[in-house]
Amino acid sequence: MHRQTHSTFPHPELIGSFRRFGPFGIAYQVVKEGHSTEKGWTVEIEVPSTGEHLEYPLGSVLEDPEAR
């Protein structure tokens, strides 16, 4: 049985911020909160260089460096 809990997105300050995929990766922008999963929260990101919109784990965003 899957129990769904509704909780508040834990890092609203990340919305609109720019990060990089690792220390040398391309930049992306955190566009909006995603949803809570069994593995943690997700966010929607946009990769400006390609225009792609992707679902990305919040834990990865927190580990990725800020884009400068």
PDB file of N, CA and C in Angstrom:
ATOM      1  N   MET A   1       0.839  -1.178   0.000  1.00  0.00           N
ATOM      2  CA  MET A   1       0.000   0.000   0.000  1.00  0.00           C
ATOM      3  C   MET A   1       0.885   1.242   0.000  1.00  0.00           C
ATOM      4  N   HIS A   2       0.573   2.157  -0.871  1.00  0.00           N
ATOM      5  CA  HIS A   2       1.343   3.389  -1.013  1.00  0.00           C
ATOM      6  C   HIS A   2       0.608   4.491  -0.255  1.00  0.00           C
ATOM      7  N   ARG A   3       1.276   5.046   0.714  1.00  0.00           N
ATOM      8  CA  ARG A   3       0.696   6.138   1.479  1.00  0.00           C
ATOM      9  C   ARG A   3       1.297   7.439   0.988  1.00  0.00           C
ATOM     10  N   GLN A   4       0.446   8.350   0.564  1.00  0.00           N
ATOM     11  CA  GLN A   4       0.935   9.639   0.081  1.00  0.00           C
ATOM     12  C   GLN A   4       0.784  10.669   1.179  1.00  0.00           C
ATOM     13  N   THR A   5       1.848  11.396   1.414  1.00  0.00           N
ATOM     14  CA  THR A   5       1.787  12.467   2.395  1.00  0.00           C
ATOM     15  C   THR A   5       1.988  13.789   1.681  1.00  0.00           C
ATOM     16  N   HIS A   6       1.273  14.758   2.095  1.00  0.00           N
ATOM     17  CA  HIS A   6       1.402  16.085   1.503  1.00  0.00           C
ATOM     18  C   HIS A   6       2.259  16.922   2.435  1.00  0.00           C
ATOM     19  N   SER A   7       3.391  17.308   1.951  1.00  0.00           N
ATOM     20  CA  SER A   7       4.275  18.126   2.770  1.00  0.00           C
ATOM     21  C   SER A   7       4.712  19.340   1.960  1.00  0.00           C
ATOM     22  N   THR A   8       5.276  20.279   2.634  1.00  0.00           N
ATOM     23  CA  THR A   8       5.720  21.516   2.019  1.00  0.00           C
ATOM     24  C   THR A   8       7.102  21.333   1.411  1.00  0.00           C
ATOM     25  N   PHE A   9       7.289  21.889   0.231  1.00  0.00           N
ATOM     26  CA  PHE A   9       8.577  21.825  -0.444  1.00  0.00           C
ATOM     27  C   PHE A   9       9.649  22.412   0.472  1.00  0.00           C
ATOM     28  N   PRO A  10      10.724  21.659   0.744  1.00  0.00           N
ATOM     29  CA  PRO A  10      11.677  22.068   1.774  1.00  0.00           C
ATOM     30  C   PRO A  10      12.673  23.172   1.389  1.00  0.00           C
ATOM     31  N   HIS A  11      12.816  23.497   0.105  1.00  0.00           N
ATOM     32  CA  HIS A  11      13.812  24.502  -0.289  1.00  0.00           C
ATOM     33  C   HIS A  11      13.257  25.491  -1.316  1.00  0.00           C
ATOM     34  N   PRO A  12      12.251  26.288  -0.943  1.00  0.00           N
ATOM     35  CA  PRO A  12      11.678  27.237  -1.913  1.00  0.00           C
ATOM     36  C   PRO A  12      12.686  28.273  -2.398  1.00  0.00           C
ATOM     37  N   GLU A  13      13.746  28.502  -1.629  1.00  0.00           N
ATOM     38  CA  GLU A  13      14.767  29.481  -2.032  1.00  0.00           C
ATOM     39  C   GLU A  13      15.519  29.054  -3.288  1.00  0.00           C
ATOM     40  N   LEU A  14      15.435  27.792  -3.662  1.00  0.00           N
ATOM     41  CA  LEU A  14      16.132  27.314  -4.867  1.00  0.00           C
ATOM     42  C   LEU A  14      15.407  27.672  -6.160  1.00  0.00           C
ATOM     43  N   ILE A  15      14.101  27.948  -6.074  1.00  0.00           N
ATOM     44  CA  ILE A  15      13.328  28.249  -7.275  1.00  0.00           C
ATOM     45  C   ILE A  15      13.883  29.520  -7.918  1.00  0.00           C
ATOM     46  N   GLY A  16      14.223  29.416  -9.191  1.00  0.00           N
ATOM     47  CA  GLY A  16      14.787  30.545  -9.926  1.00  0.00           C
ATOM     48  C   GLY A  16      16.310  30.581  -9.911  1.00  0.00           C
ATOM     49  N   SER A  17      16.927  29.750  -9.088  1.00  0.00           N
ATOM     50  CA  SER A  17      18.391  29.760  -9.012  1.00  0.00           C
ATOM     51  C   SER A  17      19.016  28.979 -10.162  1.00  0.00           C
ATOM     52  N   PHE A  18      20.274  29.274 -10.423  1.00  0.00           N
ATOM     53  CA  PHE A  18      21.038  28.580 -11.461  1.00  0.00           C
ATOM     54  C   PHE A  18      22.111  27.731 -10.802  1.00  0.00           C
ATOM     55  N   ARG A  19      22.245  26.497 -11.261  1.00  0.00           N
ATOM     56  CA  ARG A  19      23.239  25.563 -10.756  1.00  0.00           C
ATOM     57  C   ARG A  19      23.951  24.944 -11.951  1.00  0.00           C
ATOM     58  N   ARG A  20      24.976  24.132 -11.671  1.00  0.00           N
ATOM     59  CA  ARG A  20      25.704  23.393 -12.705  1.00  0.00           C
ATOM     60  C   ARG A  20      25.658  21.911 -12.397  1.00  0.00           C
ATOM     61  N   PHE A  21      25.627  21.086 -13.448  1.00  0.00           N
ATOM     62  CA  PHE A  21      25.722  19.642 -13.282  1.00  0.00           C
ATOM     63  C   PHE A  21      27.168  19.318 -12.908  1.00  0.00           C
ATOM     64  N   GLY A  22      27.472  19.283 -11.627  1.00  0.00           N
ATOM     65  CA  GLY A  22      28.838  19.031 -11.175  1.00  0.00           C
ATOM     66  C   GLY A  22      29.711  20.258 -11.383  1.00  0.00           C
ATOM     67  N   PRO A  23      30.987  20.173 -11.015  1.00  0.00           N
ATOM     68  CA  PRO A  23      31.861  21.345 -11.046  1.00  0.00           C
ATOM     69  C   PRO A  23      32.152  21.888 -12.449  1.00  0.00           C
ATOM     70  N   PHE A  24      32.038  21.062 -13.481  1.00  0.00           N
ATOM     71  CA  PHE A  24      32.383  21.512 -14.833  1.00  0.00           C
ATOM     72  C   PHE A  24      31.232  21.358 -15.818  1.00  0.00           C
ATOM     73  N   GLY A  25      30.043  21.024 -15.320  1.00  0.00           N
ATOM     74  CA  GLY A  25      28.896  20.775 -16.186  1.00  0.00           C
ATOM     75  C   GLY A  25      28.235  22.054 -16.669  1.00  0.00           C
ATOM     76  N   ILE A  26      27.243  21.868 -17.530  1.00  0.00           N
ATOM     77  CA  ILE A  26      26.500  23.015 -18.054  1.00  0.00           C
ATOM     78  C   ILE A  26      25.517  23.522 -17.001  1.00  0.00           C
ATOM     79  N   ALA A  27      25.116  24.761 -17.162  1.00  0.00           N
ATOM     80  CA  ALA A  27      24.213  25.404 -16.213  1.00  0.00           C
ATOM     81  C   ALA A  27      22.770  24.993 -16.467  1.00  0.00           C
ATOM     82  N   TYR A  28      21.993  25.017 -15.387  1.00  0.00           N
ATOM     83  CA  TYR A  28      20.555  24.811 -15.485  1.00  0.00           C
ATOM     84  C   TYR A  28      19.873  25.721 -14.471  1.00  0.00           C
ATOM     85  N   GLN A  29      18.586  25.965 -14.695  1.00  0.00           N
ATOM     86  CA  GLN A  29      17.808  26.786 -13.766  1.00  0.00           C
ATOM     87  C   GLN A  29      16.739  25.923 -13.115  1.00  0.00           C
ATOM     88  N   VAL A  30      16.569  26.086 -11.816  1.00  0.00           N
ATOM     89  CA  VAL A  30      15.487  25.421 -11.102  1.00  0.00           C
ATOM     90  C   VAL A  30      14.222  26.239 -11.371  1.00  0.00           C
ATOM     91  N   VAL A  31      13.261  25.644 -12.086  1.00  0.00           N
ATOM     92  CA  VAL A  31      12.076  26.368 -12.530  1.00  0.00           C
ATOM     93  C   VAL A  31      10.950  26.312 -11.503  1.00  0.00           C
ATOM     94  N   LYS A  32      10.684  25.110 -10.984  1.00  0.00           N
ATOM     95  CA  LYS A  32       9.604  24.979  -9.997  1.00  0.00           C
ATOM     96  C   LYS A  32       9.756  23.678  -9.231  1.00  0.00           C
ATOM     97  N   GLU A  33       9.055  23.619  -8.092  1.00  0.00           N
ATOM     98  CA  GLU A  33       9.085  22.393  -7.306  1.00  0.00           C
ATOM     99  C   GLU A  33       8.379  21.285  -8.070  1.00  0.00           C
ATOM    100  N   GLY A  34       8.833  20.083  -7.837  1.00  0.00           N
ATOM    101  CA  GLY A  34       8.201  18.921  -8.447  1.00  0.00           C
ATOM    102  C   GLY A  34       7.245  18.295  -7.456  1.00  0.00           C
ATOM    103  N   HIS A  35       7.571  17.095  -7.026  1.00  0.00           N
ATOM    104  CA  HIS A  35       6.716  16.402  -6.068  1.00  0.00           C
ATOM    105  C   HIS A  35       7.562  15.521  -5.160  1.00  0.00           C
ATOM    106  N   SER A  36       6.958  15.125  -4.079  1.00  0.00           N
ATOM    107  CA  SER A  36       7.619  14.264  -3.116  1.00  0.00           C
ATOM    108  C   SER A  36       7.466  12.816  -3.555  1.00  0.00           C
ATOM    109  N   THR A  37       8.572  12.078  -3.564  1.00  0.00           N
ATOM    110  CA  THR A  37       8.556  10.663  -3.921  1.00  0.00           C
ATOM    111  C   THR A  37       9.134   9.860  -2.765  1.00  0.00           C
ATOM    112  N   GLU A  38       9.132   8.559  -2.894  1.00  0.00           N
ATOM    113  CA  GLU A  38       9.735   7.709  -1.862  1.00  0.00           C
ATOM    114  C   GLU A  38      11.227   7.983  -1.722  1.00  0.00           C
ATOM    115  N   LYS A  39      11.858   8.465  -2.794  1.00  0.00           N
ATOM    116  CA  LYS A  39      13.297   8.758  -2.780  1.00  0.00           C
ATOM    117  C   LYS A  39      13.596  10.217  -2.463  1.00  0.00           C
ATOM    118  N   GLY A  40      12.576  11.006  -2.204  1.00  0.00           N
ATOM    119  CA  GLY A  40      12.776  12.420  -1.909  1.00  0.00           C
ATOM    120  C   GLY A  40      12.075  13.309  -2.925  1.00  0.00           C
ATOM    121  N   TRP A  41      12.257  14.592  -2.779  1.00  0.00           N
ATOM    122  CA  TRP A  41      11.616  15.572  -3.663  1.00  0.00           C
ATOM    123  C   TRP A  41      12.288  15.636  -5.030  1.00  0.00           C
ATOM    124  N   THR A  42      11.506  16.090  -6.009  1.00  0.00           N
ATOM    125  CA  THR A  42      12.044  16.413  -7.322  1.00  0.00           C
ATOM    126  C   THR A  42      11.760  17.889  -7.601  1.00  0.00           C
ATOM    127  N   VAL A  43      12.452  18.425  -8.602  1.00  0.00           N
ATOM    128  CA  VAL A  43      12.192  19.776  -9.094  1.00  0.00           C
ATOM    129  C   VAL A  43      12.152  19.721 -10.614  1.00  0.00           C
ATOM    130  N   GLU A  44      11.538  20.724 -11.214  1.00  0.00           N
ATOM    131  CA  GLU A  44      11.615  20.864 -12.663  1.00  0.00           C
ATOM    132  C   GLU A  44      12.739  21.842 -12.951  1.00  0.00           C
ATOM    133  N   ILE A  45      13.629  21.439 -13.845  1.00  0.00           N
ATOM    134  CA  ILE A  45      14.733  22.316 -14.238  1.00  0.00           C
ATOM    135  C   ILE A  45      14.638  22.603 -15.727  1.00  0.00           C
ATOM    136  N   GLU A  46      15.264  23.689 -16.145  1.00  0.00           N
ATOM    137  CA  GLU A  46      15.408  24.018 -17.557  1.00  0.00           C
ATOM    138  C   GLU A  46      16.892  24.165 -17.847  1.00  0.00           C
ATOM    139  N   VAL A  47      17.317  23.564 -18.945  1.00  0.00           N
ATOM    140  CA  VAL A  47      18.695  23.704 -19.406  1.00  0.00           C
ATOM    141  C   VAL A  47      18.659  24.773 -20.507  1.00  0.00           C
ATOM    142  N   PRO A  48      19.106  26.012 -20.197  1.00  0.00           N
ATOM    143  CA  PRO A  48      18.980  27.105 -21.169  1.00  0.00           C
ATOM    144  C   PRO A  48      19.668  26.834 -22.511  1.00  0.00           C
ATOM    145  N   SER A  49      20.780  26.120 -22.489  1.00  0.00           N
ATOM    146  CA  SER A  49      21.509  25.891 -23.745  1.00  0.00           C
ATOM    147  C   SER A  49      20.761  24.983 -24.710  1.00  0.00           C
ATOM    148  N   THR A  50      19.804  24.185 -24.202  1.00  0.00           N
ATOM    149  CA  THR A  50      19.059  23.272 -25.074  1.00  0.00           C
ATOM    150  C   THR A  50      17.554  23.533 -25.044  1.00  0.00           C
ATOM    151  N   GLY A  51      17.081  24.270 -24.034  1.00  0.00           N
ATOM    152  CA  GLY A  51      15.654  24.504 -23.873  1.00  0.00           C
ATOM    153  C   GLY A  51      14.907  23.336 -23.246  1.00  0.00           C
ATOM    154  N   GLU A  52      15.632  22.289 -22.847  1.00  0.00           N
ATOM    155  CA  GLU A  52      14.993  21.111 -22.255  1.00  0.00           C
ATOM    156  C   GLU A  52      14.438  21.426 -20.872  1.00  0.00           C
ATOM    157  N   HIS A  53      13.303  20.829 -20.562  1.00  0.00           N
ATOM    158  CA  HIS A  53      12.717  20.852 -19.222  1.00  0.00           C
ATOM    159  C   HIS A  53      12.753  19.420 -18.718  1.00  0.00           C
ATOM    160  N   LEU A  54      13.341  19.228 -17.537  1.00  0.00           N
ATOM    161  CA  LEU A  54      13.540  17.890 -17.000  1.00  0.00           C
ATOM    162  C   LEU A  54      13.131  17.831 -15.537  1.00  0.00           C
ATOM    163  N   GLU A  55      12.715  16.649 -15.098  1.00  0.00           N
ATOM    164  CA  GLU A  55      12.511  16.400 -13.682  1.00  0.00           C
ATOM    165  C   GLU A  55      13.856  15.952 -13.122  1.00  0.00           C
ATOM    166  N   TYR A  56      14.263  16.524 -11.994  1.00  0.00           N
ATOM    167  CA  TYR A  56      15.596  16.291 -11.447  1.00  0.00           C
ATOM    168  C   TYR A  56      15.479  16.142  -9.931  1.00  0.00           C
ATOM    169  N   PRO A  57      16.219  15.221  -9.330  1.00  0.00           N
ATOM    170  CA  PRO A  57      16.129  15.040  -7.876  1.00  0.00           C
ATOM    171  C   PRO A  57      16.629  16.257  -7.094  1.00  0.00           C
ATOM    172  N   LEU A  58      15.885  16.655  -6.084  1.00  0.00           N
ATOM    173  CA  LEU A  58      16.289  17.777  -5.248  1.00  0.00           C
ATOM    174  C   LEU A  58      17.642  17.518  -4.595  1.00  0.00           C
ATOM    175  N   GLY A  59      17.906  16.286  -4.180  1.00  0.00           N
ATOM    176  CA  GLY A  59      19.190  15.962  -3.568  1.00  0.00           C
ATOM    177  C   GLY A  59      20.360  16.263  -4.483  1.00  0.00           C
ATOM    178  N   SER A  60      20.178  16.043  -5.784  1.00  0.00           N
ATOM    179  CA  SER A  60      21.237  16.348  -6.750  1.00  0.00           C
ATOM    180  C   SER A  60      21.425  17.854  -6.892  1.00  0.00           C
ATOM    181  N   VAL A  61      20.311  18.597  -6.882  1.00  0.00           N
ATOM    182  CA  VAL A  61      20.406  20.056  -6.951  1.00  0.00           C
ATOM    183  C   VAL A  61      21.222  20.584  -5.771  1.00  0.00           C
ATOM    184  N   LEU A  62      20.959  20.049  -4.593  1.00  0.00           N
ATOM    185  CA  LEU A  62      21.665  20.515  -3.407  1.00  0.00           C
ATOM    186  C   LEU A  62      23.152  20.196  -3.450  1.00  0.00           C
ATOM    187  N   GLU A  63      23.528  19.139  -4.168  1.00  0.00           N
ATOM    188  CA  GLU A  63      24.939  18.780  -4.299  1.00  0.00           C
ATOM    189  C   GLU A  63      25.645  19.545  -5.427  1.00  0.00           C
ATOM    190  N   ASP A  64      24.881  20.001  -6.418  1.00  0.00           N
ATOM    191  CA  ASP A  64      25.464  20.715  -7.554  1.00  0.00           C
ATOM    192  C   ASP A  64      25.874  22.133  -7.139  1.00  0.00           C
ATOM    193  N   PRO A  65      26.995  22.638  -7.678  1.00  0.00           N
ATOM    194  CA  PRO A  65      27.415  23.994  -7.338  1.00  0.00           C
ATOM    195  C   PRO A  65      26.546  25.072  -8.001  1.00  0.00           C
ATOM    196  N   GLU A  66      26.531  26.236  -7.397  1.00  0.00           N
ATOM    197  CA  GLU A  66      25.842  27.376  -8.013  1.00  0.00           C
ATOM    198  C   GLU A  66      26.572  27.768  -9.282  1.00  0.00           C
ATOM    199  N   ALA A  67      25.807  28.140 -10.313  1.00  0.00           N
ATOM    200  CA  ALA A  67      26.421  28.633 -11.543  1.00  0.00           C
ATOM    201  C   ALA A  67      26.782  30.097 -11.329  1.00  0.00           C
ATOM    202  N   ARG A  68      27.932  30.487 -11.816  1.00  0.00           N
ATOM    203  CA  ARG A  68      28.385  31.874 -11.643  1.00  0.00           C
ATOM    204  C   ARG A  68      28.613  32.520 -12.983  1.00  0.00           C
TER     205      ARG A  68
END
